[in-house]
Amino acid sequence: MEKELNRRIVINPEVMAGKPVIRGTRIPVDLIVRLLAQGVTIQEILEDYPRLTKDDIKASLELSTTF
């Protein structure tokens, strides 16, 4: 799974102050996790952020469980 996280999530001190983001976007992982915690569905997130995929959301959740 770590390889999948590395493909989808990046940490760059010059992007979003070093927060983990979905590769190729400025969408922070913590935003995705917070939306899910608030009851927003995966489908709603995908509609609001069309550059995301279900696998991006899964990787965000996987990363959040490692902290």
N, C-alpha and C. Protein backbone atom coordinates (compact mmCIF):
# COMPACT_ATOMS: atom_id res chain seq x y z
N MET A 1 0.82 -1.20 0.00
CA MET A 1 0.00 0.00 0.00
C MET A 1 0.86 1.26 0.00
N GLU A 2 2.07 1.17 0.57
CA GLU A 2 2.92 2.36 0.61
C GLU A 2 3.25 2.85 -0.79
N LYS A 3 3.44 1.93 -1.73
CA LYS A 3 3.71 2.32 -3.11
C LYS A 3 2.52 3.09 -3.68
N GLU A 4 1.32 2.64 -3.40
CA GLU A 4 0.11 3.33 -3.86
C GLU A 4 0.02 4.73 -3.26
N LEU A 5 0.34 4.86 -1.98
CA LEU A 5 0.32 6.18 -1.34
C LEU A 5 1.33 7.10 -2.01
N ASN A 6 2.52 6.58 -2.29
CA ASN A 6 3.56 7.39 -2.93
C ASN A 6 3.15 7.84 -4.32
N ARG A 7 2.36 7.04 -5.00
CA ARG A 7 1.90 7.42 -6.34
C ARG A 7 0.82 8.48 -6.28
N ARG A 8 0.03 8.51 -5.23
CA ARG A 8 -1.13 9.39 -5.17
C ARG A 8 -0.97 10.61 -4.28
N ILE A 9 -0.12 10.50 -3.27
CA ILE A 9 -0.01 11.57 -2.27
C ILE A 9 1.43 12.07 -2.22
N VAL A 10 1.57 13.38 -2.22
CA VAL A 10 2.92 13.96 -2.14
C VAL A 10 2.97 14.98 -1.00
N ILE A 11 4.19 15.16 -0.50
CA ILE A 11 4.45 16.18 0.51
C ILE A 11 5.58 17.04 -0.02
N ASN A 12 5.27 18.31 -0.22
CA ASN A 12 6.25 19.25 -0.76
C ASN A 12 6.17 20.51 0.08
N PRO A 13 7.26 20.93 0.70
CA PRO A 13 7.22 22.11 1.57
C PRO A 13 6.74 23.37 0.86
N GLU A 14 6.80 23.38 -0.47
CA GLU A 14 6.39 24.56 -1.22
C GLU A 14 4.94 24.50 -1.70
N VAL A 15 4.26 23.42 -1.39
CA VAL A 15 2.85 23.28 -1.77
C VAL A 15 2.02 23.10 -0.52
N MET A 16 1.08 24.00 -0.30
CA MET A 16 0.16 23.94 0.84
C MET A 16 0.91 23.82 2.16
N ALA A 17 2.02 24.54 2.28
CA ALA A 17 2.83 24.57 3.50
C ALA A 17 3.29 23.18 3.95
N GLY A 18 3.50 22.29 2.99
CA GLY A 18 4.01 20.97 3.31
C GLY A 18 2.97 19.95 3.73
N LYS A 19 1.69 20.31 3.65
CA LYS A 19 0.65 19.32 3.97
C LYS A 19 0.62 18.25 2.89
N PRO A 20 0.28 17.02 3.25
CA PRO A 20 0.10 15.99 2.22
C PRO A 20 -1.06 16.37 1.30
N VAL A 21 -0.83 16.30 0.00
CA VAL A 21 -1.87 16.62 -0.99
C VAL A 21 -1.94 15.51 -2.02
N ILE A 22 -3.04 15.48 -2.74
CA ILE A 22 -3.18 14.55 -3.84
C ILE A 22 -2.27 15.02 -4.97
N ARG A 23 -1.47 14.11 -5.49
CA ARG A 23 -0.50 14.44 -6.54
C ARG A 23 -1.18 15.19 -7.69
N GLY A 24 -0.54 16.26 -8.13
CA GLY A 24 -1.03 17.04 -9.25
C GLY A 24 -2.14 18.02 -8.90
N THR A 25 -2.45 18.13 -7.61
CA THR A 25 -3.50 19.05 -7.16
C THR A 25 -2.99 19.82 -5.93
N ARG A 26 -3.81 20.69 -5.47
CA ARG A 26 -3.57 21.35 -4.17
C ARG A 26 -4.67 20.95 -3.19
N ILE A 27 -5.19 19.76 -3.38
CA ILE A 27 -6.26 19.26 -2.51
C ILE A 27 -5.60 18.49 -1.37
N PRO A 28 -5.68 19.05 -0.14
CA PRO A 28 -5.04 18.39 1.00
C PRO A 28 -5.77 17.12 1.43
N VAL A 29 -4.99 16.16 1.86
CA VAL A 29 -5.54 14.90 2.36
C VAL A 29 -6.48 15.17 3.53
N ASP A 30 -6.09 16.08 4.42
CA ASP A 30 -6.93 16.32 5.60
C ASP A 30 -8.30 16.88 5.22
N LEU A 31 -8.40 17.60 4.11
CA LEU A 31 -9.70 18.10 3.65
C LEU A 31 -10.61 16.92 3.29
N ILE A 32 -10.07 15.97 2.57
CA ILE A 32 -10.85 14.81 2.17
C ILE A 32 -11.34 14.03 3.39
N VAL A 33 -10.44 13.82 4.33
CA VAL A 33 -10.79 13.07 5.54
C VAL A 33 -11.86 13.84 6.34
N ARG A 34 -11.70 15.15 6.47
CA ARG A 34 -12.69 15.95 7.20
C ARG A 34 -14.06 15.90 6.53
N LEU A 35 -14.08 15.97 5.21
CA LEU A 35 -15.37 15.90 4.49
C LEU A 35 -16.06 14.57 4.76
N LEU A 36 -15.31 13.50 4.70
CA LEU A 36 -15.90 12.18 4.98
C LEU A 36 -16.40 12.10 6.41
N ALA A 37 -15.65 12.65 7.35
CA ALA A 37 -16.05 12.63 8.76
C ALA A 37 -17.33 13.44 8.98
N GLN A 38 -17.56 14.45 8.15
CA GLN A 38 -18.76 15.27 8.26
C GLN A 38 -19.96 14.62 7.58
N GLY A 39 -19.74 13.47 6.95
CA GLY A 39 -20.86 12.76 6.33
C GLY A 39 -21.01 13.00 4.84
N VAL A 40 -20.08 13.72 4.24
CA VAL A 40 -20.11 13.92 2.79
C VAL A 40 -19.76 12.59 2.14
N THR A 41 -20.52 12.18 1.14
CA THR A 41 -20.28 10.90 0.51
C THR A 41 -19.11 10.98 -0.47
N ILE A 42 -18.57 9.83 -0.79
CA ILE A 42 -17.49 9.78 -1.78
C ILE A 42 -17.97 10.36 -3.10
N GLN A 43 -19.18 10.01 -3.49
CA GLN A 43 -19.72 10.52 -4.75
C GLN A 43 -19.82 12.05 -4.74
N GLU A 44 -20.25 12.61 -3.63
CA GLU A 44 -20.33 14.07 -3.53
C GLU A 44 -18.95 14.72 -3.63
N ILE A 45 -17.96 14.09 -3.00
CA ILE A 45 -16.60 14.62 -3.08
C ILE A 45 -16.11 14.57 -4.52
N LEU A 46 -16.36 13.47 -5.19
CA LEU A 46 -15.93 13.33 -6.58
C LEU A 46 -16.61 14.35 -7.49
N GLU A 47 -17.85 14.66 -7.19
CA GLU A 47 -18.57 15.68 -7.97
C GLU A 47 -18.00 17.07 -7.71
N ASP A 48 -17.67 17.36 -6.46
CA ASP A 48 -17.13 18.67 -6.10
C ASP A 48 -15.67 18.85 -6.53
N TYR A 49 -14.93 17.76 -6.58
CA TYR A 49 -13.51 17.79 -6.95
C TYR A 49 -13.28 16.77 -8.08
N PRO A 50 -13.63 17.13 -9.30
CA PRO A 50 -13.60 16.16 -10.41
C PRO A 50 -12.21 15.62 -10.75
N ARG A 51 -11.16 16.25 -10.28
CA ARG A 51 -9.81 15.74 -10.54
C ARG A 51 -9.47 14.55 -9.64
N LEU A 52 -10.27 14.34 -8.59
CA LEU A 52 -10.03 13.22 -7.69
C LEU A 52 -10.62 11.93 -8.25
N THR A 53 -10.07 10.83 -7.79
CA THR A 53 -10.62 9.51 -8.10
C THR A 53 -10.95 8.80 -6.78
N LYS A 54 -11.68 7.72 -6.89
CA LYS A 54 -11.96 6.93 -5.68
C LYS A 54 -10.67 6.44 -5.05
N ASP A 55 -9.70 6.09 -5.86
CA ASP A 55 -8.42 5.62 -5.32
C ASP A 55 -7.69 6.73 -4.57
N ASP A 56 -7.84 7.98 -5.00
CA ASP A 56 -7.25 9.10 -4.26
C ASP A 56 -7.87 9.20 -2.88
N ILE A 57 -9.17 9.02 -2.82
CA ILE A 57 -9.87 9.10 -1.54
C ILE A 57 -9.45 7.93 -0.63
N LYS A 58 -9.35 6.75 -1.21
CA LYS A 58 -8.90 5.59 -0.43
C LYS A 58 -7.49 5.80 0.10
N ALA A 59 -6.62 6.35 -0.73
CA ALA A 59 -5.24 6.62 -0.29
C ALA A 59 -5.22 7.65 0.84
N SER A 60 -6.10 8.63 0.76
CA SER A 60 -6.19 9.65 1.82
C SER A 60 -6.58 9.01 3.14
N LEU A 61 -7.55 8.12 3.08
CA LEU A 61 -7.97 7.43 4.30
C LEU A 61 -6.86 6.53 4.83
N GLU A 62 -6.16 5.85 3.94
CA GLU A 62 -5.07 4.99 4.36
C GLU A 62 -3.97 5.81 5.05
N LEU A 63 -3.65 6.95 4.46
CA LEU A 63 -2.62 7.80 5.07
C LEU A 63 -3.07 8.30 6.43
N SER A 64 -4.34 8.65 6.55
CA SER A 64 -4.83 9.20 7.82
C SER A 64 -4.77 8.18 8.95
N THR A 65 -4.80 6.91 8.61
CA THR A 65 -4.74 5.88 9.65
C THR A 65 -3.31 5.60 10.10
N THR A 66 -2.33 6.16 9.38
CA THR A 66 -0.94 5.92 9.76
C THR A 66 -0.44 6.95 10.75
N PHE A 67 -1.22 7.98 11.02
CA PHE A 67 -0.82 9.04 11.96
C PHE A 67 -1.49 8.89 13.28
